[in-house]
Amino acid sequence: MEAKCYRKASGLGVDAISWLISGLRHRQFGVLVTTSYLGDQAHRAIVEDKYAIVVWARGDLAKLLISKRVISSAKDAAAWLATAYSLGDPA
């Protein structure tokens, strides 16, 4: 499992997921969670090479947080992300 906290304008590239990919062994799968999105090149690498990776990107996270009533508006989401960003220095 790998988690990346990137700004919304920065999609994840192959370099950001290479550690996860390199750690996968036969019959294993990976989980990638990001506050951003998966860039085209990274998406192609996963699909074309048939890596077993589940991707949870910002839209998936937003739906989960809304369904669990953690956030209910864009303002709530911004406040929640500000707290997350203050815990570390995102790329």
PDB file of N, CA and C in Angstrom:
ATOM      1  N   MET A   1       0.850  -1.169   0.000  1.00  0.00           N
ATOM      2  CA  MET A   1       0.000   0.000   0.000  1.00  0.00           C
ATOM      3  C   MET A   1       0.892   1.228   0.000  1.00  0.00           C
ATOM      4  N   GLU A   2       0.468   2.214  -0.758  1.00  0.00           N
ATOM      5  CA  GLU A   2       1.197   3.479  -0.829  1.00  0.00           C
ATOM      6  C   GLU A   2       0.196   4.619  -0.824  1.00  0.00           C
ATOM      7  N   ALA A   3       0.549   5.698  -0.131  1.00  0.00           N
ATOM      8  CA  ALA A   3      -0.315   6.877  -0.084  1.00  0.00           C
ATOM      9  C   ALA A   3       0.498   8.089  -0.510  1.00  0.00           C
ATOM     10  N   LYS A   4      -0.117   8.928  -1.338  1.00  0.00           N
ATOM     11  CA  LYS A   4       0.533  10.142  -1.831  1.00  0.00           C
ATOM     12  C   LYS A   4      -0.401  11.321  -1.590  1.00  0.00           C
ATOM     13  N   CYS A   5       0.106  12.350  -0.959  1.00  0.00           N
ATOM     14  CA  CYS A   5      -0.668  13.558  -0.697  1.00  0.00           C
ATOM     15  C   CYS A   5      -0.108  14.669  -1.585  1.00  0.00           C
ATOM     16  N   TYR A   6      -0.642  14.763  -2.795  1.00  0.00           N
ATOM     17  CA  TYR A   6      -0.193  15.757  -3.763  1.00  0.00           C
ATOM     18  C   TYR A   6      -1.243  16.844  -3.894  1.00  0.00           C
ATOM     19  N   ARG A   7      -0.826  17.995  -4.337  1.00  0.00           N
ATOM     20  CA  ARG A   7      -1.773  19.065  -4.609  1.00  0.00           C
ATOM     21  C   ARG A   7      -2.669  18.644  -5.777  1.00  0.00           C
ATOM     22  N   LYS A   8      -3.882  19.218  -5.844  1.00  0.00           N
ATOM     23  CA  LYS A   8      -4.858  18.757  -6.826  1.00  0.00           C
ATOM     24  C   LYS A   8      -4.419  18.935  -8.271  1.00  0.00           C
ATOM     25  N   ALA A   9      -3.505  19.854  -8.545  1.00  0.00           N
ATOM     26  CA  ALA A   9      -3.051  20.084  -9.920  1.00  0.00           C
ATOM     27  C   ALA A   9      -1.905  19.163 -10.320  1.00  0.00           C
ATOM     28  N   SER A  10      -1.414  18.357  -9.394  1.00  0.00           N
ATOM     29  CA  SER A  10      -0.267  17.488  -9.662  1.00  0.00           C
ATOM     30  C   SER A  10      -0.696  16.029  -9.723  1.00  0.00           C
ATOM     31  N   GLY A  11      -0.772  15.503 -10.928  1.00  0.00           N
ATOM     32  CA  GLY A  11      -1.111  14.097 -11.080  1.00  0.00           C
ATOM     33  C   GLY A  11       0.087  13.216 -10.796  1.00  0.00           C
ATOM     34  N   LEU A  12      -0.163  11.997 -10.372  1.00  0.00           N
ATOM     35  CA  LEU A  12       0.916  11.072 -10.083  1.00  0.00           C
ATOM     36  C   LEU A  12       1.460  10.488 -11.374  1.00  0.00           C
ATOM     37  N   GLY A  13       2.759  10.481 -11.492  1.00  0.00           N
ATOM     38  CA  GLY A  13       3.428   9.886 -12.637  1.00  0.00           C
ATOM     39  C   GLY A  13       3.964   8.516 -12.279  1.00  0.00           C
ATOM     40  N   VAL A  14       4.617   7.898 -13.228  1.00  0.00           N
ATOM     41  CA  VAL A  14       5.179   6.562 -13.020  1.00  0.00           C
ATOM     42  C   VAL A  14       6.198   6.575 -11.881  1.00  0.00           C
ATOM     43  N   ASP A  15       6.981   7.641 -11.776  1.00  0.00           N
ATOM     44  CA  ASP A  15       7.981   7.709 -10.713  1.00  0.00           C
ATOM     45  C   ASP A  15       7.339   7.651  -9.329  1.00  0.00           C
ATOM     46  N   ALA A  16       6.145   8.201  -9.176  1.00  0.00           N
ATOM     47  CA  ALA A  16       5.475   8.217  -7.880  1.00  0.00           C
ATOM     48  C   ALA A  16       4.938   6.843  -7.489  1.00  0.00           C
ATOM     49  N   ILE A  17       4.704   5.975  -8.461  1.00  0.00           N
ATOM     50  CA  ILE A  17       4.171   4.647  -8.150  1.00  0.00           C
ATOM     51  C   ILE A  17       5.183   3.530  -8.359  1.00  0.00           C
ATOM     52  N   SER A  18       6.392   3.874  -8.751  1.00  0.00           N
ATOM     53  CA  SER A  18       7.393   2.846  -9.065  1.00  0.00           C
ATOM     54  C   SER A  18       7.748   1.987  -7.856  1.00  0.00           C
ATOM     55  N   TRP A  19       7.785   2.588  -6.658  1.00  0.00           N
ATOM     56  CA  TRP A  19       8.112   1.809  -5.459  1.00  0.00           C
ATOM     57  C   TRP A  19       7.047   0.747  -5.216  1.00  0.00           C
ATOM     58  N   LEU A  20       5.784   1.127  -5.377  1.00  0.00           N
ATOM     59  CA  LEU A  20       4.688   0.178  -5.196  1.00  0.00           C
ATOM     60  C   LEU A  20       4.771  -0.929  -6.240  1.00  0.00           C
ATOM     61  N   ILE A  21       4.981  -0.542  -7.487  1.00  0.00           N
ATOM     62  CA  ILE A  21       5.083  -1.526  -8.570  1.00  0.00           C
ATOM     63  C   ILE A  21       6.243  -2.486  -8.331  1.00  0.00           C
ATOM     64  N   SER A  22       7.383  -1.963  -7.925  1.00  0.00           N
ATOM     65  CA  SER A  22       8.558  -2.821  -7.740  1.00  0.00           C
ATOM     66  C   SER A  22       8.398  -3.786  -6.570  1.00  0.00           C
ATOM     67  N   GLY A  23       7.518  -3.468  -5.642  1.00  0.00           N
ATOM     68  CA  GLY A  23       7.317  -4.338  -4.488  1.00  0.00           C
ATOM     69  C   GLY A  23       6.309  -5.449  -4.715  1.00  0.00           C
ATOM     70  N   LEU A  24       5.594  -5.397  -5.833  1.00  0.00           N
ATOM     71  CA  LEU A  24       4.577  -6.419  -6.094  1.00  0.00           C
ATOM     72  C   LEU A  24       5.223  -7.722  -6.560  1.00  0.00           C
ATOM     73  N   ARG A  25       4.796  -8.787  -5.954  1.00  0.00           N
ATOM     74  CA  ARG A  25       5.270 -10.117  -6.328  1.00  0.00           C
ATOM     75  C   ARG A  25       4.113 -10.888  -6.960  1.00  0.00           C
ATOM     76  N   HIS A  26       4.406 -12.067  -7.441  1.00  0.00           N
ATOM     77  CA  HIS A  26       3.395 -12.921  -8.069  1.00  0.00           C
ATOM     78  C   HIS A  26       2.183 -13.082  -7.159  1.00  0.00           C
ATOM     79  N   ARG A  27       0.986 -12.838  -7.720  1.00  0.00           N
ATOM     80  CA  ARG A  27      -0.293 -13.003  -7.043  1.00  0.00           C
ATOM     81  C   ARG A  27      -0.527 -12.005  -5.914  1.00  0.00           C
ATOM     82  N   GLN A  28       0.215 -10.916  -5.879  1.00  0.00           N
ATOM     83  CA  GLN A  28      -0.018  -9.854  -4.910  1.00  0.00           C
ATOM     84  C   GLN A  28      -0.677  -8.681  -5.612  1.00  0.00           C
ATOM     85  N   PHE A  29      -1.335  -7.832  -4.829  1.00  0.00           N
ATOM     86  CA  PHE A  29      -1.906  -6.623  -5.390  1.00  0.00           C
ATOM     87  C   PHE A  29      -1.523  -5.444  -4.515  1.00  0.00           C
ATOM     88  N   GLY A  30      -1.553  -4.284  -5.118  1.00  0.00           N
ATOM     89  CA  GLY A  30      -1.205  -3.068  -4.405  1.00  0.00           C
ATOM     90  C   GLY A  30      -2.407  -2.154  -4.275  1.00  0.00           C
ATOM     91  N   VAL A  31      -2.323  -1.244  -3.325  1.00  0.00           N
ATOM     92  CA  VAL A  31      -3.354  -0.234  -3.120  1.00  0.00           C
ATOM     93  C   VAL A  31      -2.656   1.121  -3.117  1.00  0.00           C
ATOM     94  N   LEU A  32      -3.142   2.027  -3.947  1.00  0.00           N
ATOM     95  CA  LEU A  32      -2.598   3.371  -4.042  1.00  0.00           C
ATOM     96  C   LEU A  32      -3.701   4.361  -3.674  1.00  0.00           C
ATOM     97  N   VAL A  33      -3.431   5.198  -2.687  1.00  0.00           N
ATOM     98  CA  VAL A  33      -4.382   6.213  -2.251  1.00  0.00           C
ATOM     99  C   VAL A  33      -3.721   7.565  -2.466  1.00  0.00           C
ATOM    100  N   THR A  34      -4.451   8.499  -3.098  1.00  0.00           N
ATOM    101  CA  THR A  34      -3.884   9.819  -3.348  1.00  0.00           C
ATOM    102  C   THR A  34      -4.947  10.910  -3.244  1.00  0.00           C
ATOM    103  N   THR A  35      -4.534  12.081  -2.786  1.00  0.00           N
ATOM    104  CA  THR A  35      -5.422  13.241  -2.760  1.00  0.00           C
ATOM    105  C   THR A  35      -5.429  13.931  -4.114  1.00  0.00           C
ATOM    106  N   SER A  36      -4.687  13.394  -5.057  1.00  0.00           N
ATOM    107  CA  SER A  36      -4.601  13.964  -6.394  1.00  0.00           C
ATOM    108  C   SER A  36      -5.276  13.013  -7.380  1.00  0.00           C
ATOM    109  N   TYR A  37      -4.639  12.768  -8.496  1.00  0.00           N
ATOM    110  CA  TYR A  37      -5.175  11.862  -9.513  1.00  0.00           C
ATOM    111  C   TYR A  37      -4.020  11.112 -10.156  1.00  0.00           C
ATOM    112  N   LEU A  38      -4.354  10.050 -10.855  1.00  0.00           N
ATOM    113  CA  LEU A  38      -3.362   9.237 -11.541  1.00  0.00           C
ATOM    114  C   LEU A  38      -3.147   9.812 -12.931  1.00  0.00           C
ATOM    115  N   GLY A  39      -1.923  10.193 -13.229  1.00  0.00           N
ATOM    116  CA  GLY A  39      -1.600  10.752 -14.538  1.00  0.00           C
ATOM    117  C   GLY A  39      -1.723   9.709 -15.639  1.00  0.00           C
ATOM    118  N   ASP A  40      -1.813  10.176 -16.876  1.00  0.00           N
ATOM    119  CA  ASP A  40      -2.005   9.278 -18.024  1.00  0.00           C
ATOM    120  C   ASP A  40      -0.907   8.227 -18.143  1.00  0.00           C
ATOM    121  N   GLN A  41       0.343   8.648 -17.983  1.00  0.00           N
ATOM    122  CA  GLN A  41       1.461   7.716 -18.136  1.00  0.00           C
ATOM    123  C   GLN A  41       1.420   6.632 -17.055  1.00  0.00           C
ATOM    124  N   ALA A  42       1.125   7.017 -15.828  1.00  0.00           N
ATOM    125  CA  ALA A  42       1.039   6.042 -14.735  1.00  0.00           C
ATOM    126  C   ALA A  42      -0.140   5.095 -14.966  1.00  0.00           C
ATOM    127  N   HIS A  43      -1.257   5.633 -15.422  1.00  0.00           N
ATOM    128  CA  HIS A  43      -2.431   4.805 -15.702  1.00  0.00           C
ATOM    129  C   HIS A  43      -2.121   3.783 -16.793  1.00  0.00           C
ATOM    130  N   ARG A  44      -1.477   4.250 -17.863  1.00  0.00           N
ATOM    131  CA  ARG A  44      -1.101   3.338 -18.958  1.00  0.00           C
ATOM    132  C   ARG A  44      -0.168   2.238 -18.462  1.00  0.00           C
ATOM    133  N   ALA A  45       0.801   2.597 -17.622  1.00  0.00           N
ATOM    134  CA  ALA A  45       1.749   1.600 -17.107  1.00  0.00           C
ATOM    135  C   ALA A  45       1.025   0.514 -16.320  1.00  0.00           C
ATOM    136  N   ILE A  46       0.069   0.914 -15.495  1.00  0.00           N
ATOM    137  CA  ILE A  46      -0.681  -0.057 -14.698  1.00  0.00           C
ATOM    138  C   ILE A  46      -1.525  -0.957 -15.596  1.00  0.00           C
ATOM    139  N   VAL A  47      -2.238  -0.360 -16.546  1.00  0.00           N
ATOM    140  CA  VAL A  47      -3.145  -1.121 -17.411  1.00  0.00           C
ATOM    141  C   VAL A  47      -2.379  -1.997 -18.392  1.00  0.00           C
ATOM    142  N   GLU A  48      -1.419  -1.418 -19.103  1.00  0.00           N
ATOM    143  CA  GLU A  48      -0.696  -2.168 -20.136  1.00  0.00           C
ATOM    144  C   GLU A  48       0.138  -3.302 -19.556  1.00  0.00           C
ATOM    145  N   ASP A  49       0.737  -3.068 -18.398  1.00  0.00           N
ATOM    146  CA  ASP A  49       1.559  -4.110 -17.777  1.00  0.00           C
ATOM    147  C   ASP A  49       0.747  -5.022 -16.868  1.00  0.00           C
ATOM    148  N   LYS A  50      -0.556  -4.759 -16.779  1.00  0.00           N
ATOM    149  CA  LYS A  50      -1.505  -5.591 -16.030  1.00  0.00           C
ATOM    150  C   LYS A  50      -1.128  -5.748 -14.560  1.00  0.00           C
ATOM    151  N   TYR A  51      -0.696  -4.648 -13.945  1.00  0.00           N
ATOM    152  CA  TYR A  51      -0.431  -4.674 -12.514  1.00  0.00           C
ATOM    153  C   TYR A  51      -1.746  -4.722 -11.758  1.00  0.00           C
ATOM    154  N   ALA A  52      -1.778  -5.491 -10.694  1.00  0.00           N
ATOM    155  CA  ALA A  52      -2.977  -5.590  -9.858  1.00  0.00           C
ATOM    156  C   ALA A  52      -2.901  -4.491  -8.796  1.00  0.00           C
ATOM    157  N   ILE A  53      -3.343  -3.306  -9.173  1.00  0.00           N
ATOM    158  CA  ILE A  53      -3.293  -2.154  -8.268  1.00  0.00           C
ATOM    159  C   ILE A  53      -4.672  -1.509  -8.208  1.00  0.00           C
ATOM    160  N   VAL A  54      -5.165  -1.336  -6.991  1.00  0.00           N
ATOM    161  CA  VAL A  54      -6.404  -0.615  -6.759  1.00  0.00           C
ATOM    162  C   VAL A  54      -6.024   0.836  -6.495  1.00  0.00           C
ATOM    163  N   VAL A  55      -6.648   1.771  -7.226  1.00  0.00           N
ATOM    164  CA  VAL A  55      -6.343   3.194  -7.076  1.00  0.00           C
ATOM    165  C   VAL A  55      -7.541   3.907  -6.461  1.00  0.00           C
ATOM    166  N   TRP A  56      -7.298   4.609  -5.363  1.00  0.00           N
ATOM    167  CA  TRP A  56      -8.294   5.477  -4.733  1.00  0.00           C
ATOM    168  C   TRP A  56      -7.774   6.887  -4.884  1.00  0.00           C
ATOM    169  N   ALA A  57      -8.374   7.644  -5.788  1.00  0.00           N
ATOM    170  CA  ALA A  57      -7.958   9.023  -6.047  1.00  0.00           C
ATOM    171  C   ALA A  57      -8.906   9.996  -5.349  1.00  0.00           C
ATOM    172  N   ARG A  58      -8.677  11.301  -5.568  1.00  0.00           N
ATOM    173  CA  ARG A  58      -9.406  12.326  -4.825  1.00  0.00           C
ATOM    174  C   ARG A  58     -10.920  12.217  -4.947  1.00  0.00           C
ATOM    175  N   GLY A  59     -11.437  11.867  -6.118  1.00  0.00           N
ATOM    176  CA  GLY A  59     -12.879  11.727  -6.274  1.00  0.00           C
ATOM    177  C   GLY A  59     -13.432  10.581  -5.434  1.00  0.00           C
ATOM    178  N   ASP A  60     -12.696   9.470  -5.408  1.00  0.00           N
ATOM    179  CA  ASP A  60     -13.103   8.325  -4.595  1.00  0.00           C
ATOM    180  C   ASP A  60     -13.083   8.686  -3.116  1.00  0.00           C
ATOM    181  N   LEU A  61     -12.028   9.408  -2.711  1.00  0.00           N
ATOM    182  CA  LEU A  61     -11.922   9.828  -1.315  1.00  0.00           C
ATOM    183  C   LEU A  61     -13.039  10.790  -0.940  1.00  0.00           C
ATOM    184  N   ALA A  62     -13.352  11.712  -1.836  1.00  0.00           N
ATOM    185  CA  ALA A  62     -14.436  12.675  -1.569  1.00  0.00           C
ATOM    186  C   ALA A  62     -15.766  11.943  -1.383  1.00  0.00           C
ATOM    187  N   LYS A  63     -16.058  10.988  -2.265  1.00  0.00           N
ATOM    188  CA  LYS A  63     -17.307  10.226  -2.140  1.00  0.00           C
ATOM    189  C   LYS A  63     -17.373   9.472  -0.811  1.00  0.00           C
ATOM    190  N   LEU A  64     -16.257   8.892  -0.403  1.00  0.00           N
ATOM    191  CA  LEU A  64     -16.209   8.164   0.862  1.00  0.00           C
ATOM    192  C   LEU A  64     -16.435   9.107   2.041  1.00  0.00           C
ATOM    193  N   LEU A  65     -15.736  10.235   2.038  1.00  0.00           N
ATOM    194  CA  LEU A  65     -15.875  11.194   3.144  1.00  0.00           C
ATOM    195  C   LEU A  65     -17.283  11.785   3.212  1.00  0.00           C
ATOM    196  N   ILE A  66     -17.900  12.006   2.063  1.00  0.00           N
ATOM    197  CA  ILE A  66     -19.278  12.510   2.043  1.00  0.00           C
ATOM    198  C   ILE A  66     -20.232  11.437   2.567  1.00  0.00           C
ATOM    199  N   SER A  67     -20.052  10.202   2.118  1.00  0.00           N
ATOM    200  CA  SER A  67     -20.948   9.124   2.557  1.00  0.00           C
ATOM    201  C   SER A  67     -20.834   8.860   4.061  1.00  0.00           C
ATOM    202  N   LYS A  68     -19.658   9.105   4.633  1.00  0.00           N
ATOM    203  CA  LYS A  68     -19.442   8.904   6.069  1.00  0.00           C
ATOM    204  C   LYS A  68     -19.717  10.171   6.872  1.00  0.00           C
ATOM    205  N   ARG A  69     -20.176  11.216   6.164  1.00  0.00           N
ATOM    206  CA  ARG A  69     -20.535  12.510   6.767  1.00  0.00           C
ATOM    207  C   ARG A  69     -19.364  13.203   7.473  1.00  0.00           C
ATOM    208  N   VAL A  70     -18.171  12.951   6.963  1.00  0.00           N
ATOM    209  CA  VAL A  70     -16.984  13.658   7.456  1.00  0.00           C
ATOM    210  C   VAL A  70     -16.969  15.066   6.871  1.00  0.00           C
ATOM    211  N   ILE A  71     -17.373  15.168   5.608  1.00  0.00           N
ATOM    212  CA  ILE A  71     -17.492  16.459   4.937  1.00  0.00           C
ATOM    213  C   ILE A  71     -18.853  16.535   4.261  1.00  0.00           C
ATOM    214  N   SER A  72     -19.328  17.767   4.059  1.00  0.00           N
ATOM    215  CA  SER A  72     -20.601  17.918   3.359  1.00  0.00           C
ATOM    216  C   SER A  72     -20.562  19.055   2.342  1.00  0.00           C
ATOM    217  N   SER A  73     -19.422  19.731   2.262  1.00  0.00           N
ATOM    218  CA  SER A  73     -19.318  20.847   1.321  1.00  0.00           C
ATOM    219  C   SER A  73     -17.863  21.021   0.902  1.00  0.00           C
ATOM    220  N   ALA A  74     -17.666  21.847  -0.116  1.00  0.00           N
ATOM    221  CA  ALA A  74     -16.301  22.150  -0.557  1.00  0.00           C
ATOM    222  C   ALA A  74     -15.520  22.831   0.561  1.00  0.00           C
ATOM    223  N   LYS A  75     -16.186  23.651   1.345  1.00  0.00           N
ATOM    224  CA  LYS A  75     -15.532  24.334   2.473  1.00  0.00           C
ATOM    225  C   LYS A  75     -15.052  23.310   3.508  1.00  0.00           C
ATOM    226  N   ASP A  76     -15.889  22.316   3.809  1.00  0.00           N
ATOM    227  CA  ASP A  76     -15.493  21.250   4.731  1.00  0.00           C
ATOM    228  C   ASP A  76     -14.291  20.484   4.187  1.00  0.00           C
ATOM    229  N   ALA A  77     -14.318  20.192   2.887  1.00  0.00           N
ATOM    230  CA  ALA A  77     -13.222  19.450   2.262  1.00  0.00           C
ATOM    231  C   ALA A  77     -11.925  20.239   2.347  1.00  0.00           C
ATOM    232  N   ALA A  78     -11.992  21.540   2.081  1.00  0.00           N
ATOM    233  CA  ALA A  78     -10.796  22.390   2.159  1.00  0.00           C
ATOM    234  C   ALA A  78     -10.232  22.400   3.576  1.00  0.00           C
ATOM    235  N   ALA A  79     -11.111  22.492   4.571  1.00  0.00           N
ATOM    236  CA  ALA A  79     -10.657  22.489   5.968  1.00  0.00           C
ATOM    237  C   ALA A  79     -10.029  21.147   6.330  1.00  0.00           C
ATOM    238  N   TRP A  80     -10.646  20.049   5.879  1.00  0.00           N
ATOM    239  CA  TRP A  80     -10.131  18.721   6.171  1.00  0.00           C
ATOM    240  C   TRP A  80      -8.758  18.526   5.517  1.00  0.00           C
ATOM    241  N   LEU A  81      -8.628  18.959   4.250  1.00  0.00           N
ATOM    242  CA  LEU A  81      -7.341  18.840   3.552  1.00  0.00           C
ATOM    243  C   LEU A  81      -6.285  19.741   4.161  1.00  0.00           C
ATOM    244  N   ALA A  82      -6.669  20.925   4.625  1.00  0.00           N
ATOM    245  CA  ALA A  82      -5.705  21.828   5.266  1.00  0.00           C
ATOM    246  C   ALA A  82      -5.106  21.162   6.494  1.00  0.00           C
ATOM    247  N   THR A  83      -5.924  20.452   7.231  1.00  0.00           N
ATOM    248  CA  THR A  83      -5.432  19.715   8.397  1.00  0.00           C
ATOM    249  C   THR A  83      -4.468  18.619   7.954  1.00  0.00           C
ATOM    250  N   ALA A  84      -4.828  17.889   6.904  1.00  0.00           N
ATOM    251  CA  ALA A  84      -3.966  16.819   6.388  1.00  0.00           C
ATOM    252  C   ALA A  84      -2.639  17.381   5.895  1.00  0.00           C
ATOM    253  N   TYR A  85      -2.688  18.509   5.182  1.00  0.00           N
ATOM    254  CA  TYR A  85      -1.465  19.116   4.660  1.00  0.00           C
ATOM    255  C   TYR A  85      -0.576  19.651   5.779  1.00  0.00           C
ATOM    256  N   SER A  86      -1.167  20.083   6.871  1.00  0.00           N
ATOM    257  CA  SER A  86      -0.361  20.624   7.965  1.00  0.00           C
ATOM    258  C   SER A  86       0.416  19.528   8.693  1.00  0.00           C
ATOM    259  N   LEU A  87       0.029  18.275   8.484  1.00  0.00           N
ATOM    260  CA  LEU A  87       0.725  17.159   9.124  1.00  0.00           C
ATOM    261  C   LEU A  87       2.023  16.801   8.426  1.00  0.00           C
ATOM    262  N   GLY A  88       2.200  17.236   7.204  1.00  0.00           N
ATOM    263  CA  GLY A  88       3.409  16.921   6.454  1.00  0.00           C
ATOM    264  C   GLY A  88       3.583  17.890   5.322  1.00  0.00           C
ATOM    265  N   ASP A  89       4.621  17.728   4.570  1.00  0.00           N
ATOM    266  CA  ASP A  89       4.912  18.606   3.450  1.00  0.00           C
ATOM    267  C   ASP A  89       4.622  17.876   2.155  1.00  0.00           C
ATOM    268  N   PRO A  90       3.393  18.025   1.598  1.00  0.00           N
ATOM    269  CA  PRO A  90       3.060  17.297   0.370  1.00  0.00           C
ATOM    270  C   PRO A  90       3.862  17.781  -0.820  1.00  0.00           C
ATOM    271  N   ALA A  91       4.027  16.906  -1.772  1.00  0.00           N
ATOM    272  CA  ALA A  91       4.780  17.258  -2.996  1.00  0.00           C
ATOM    273  C   ALA A  91       3.970  18.166  -3.875  1.00  0.00           C
TER     274      ALA A  91
END
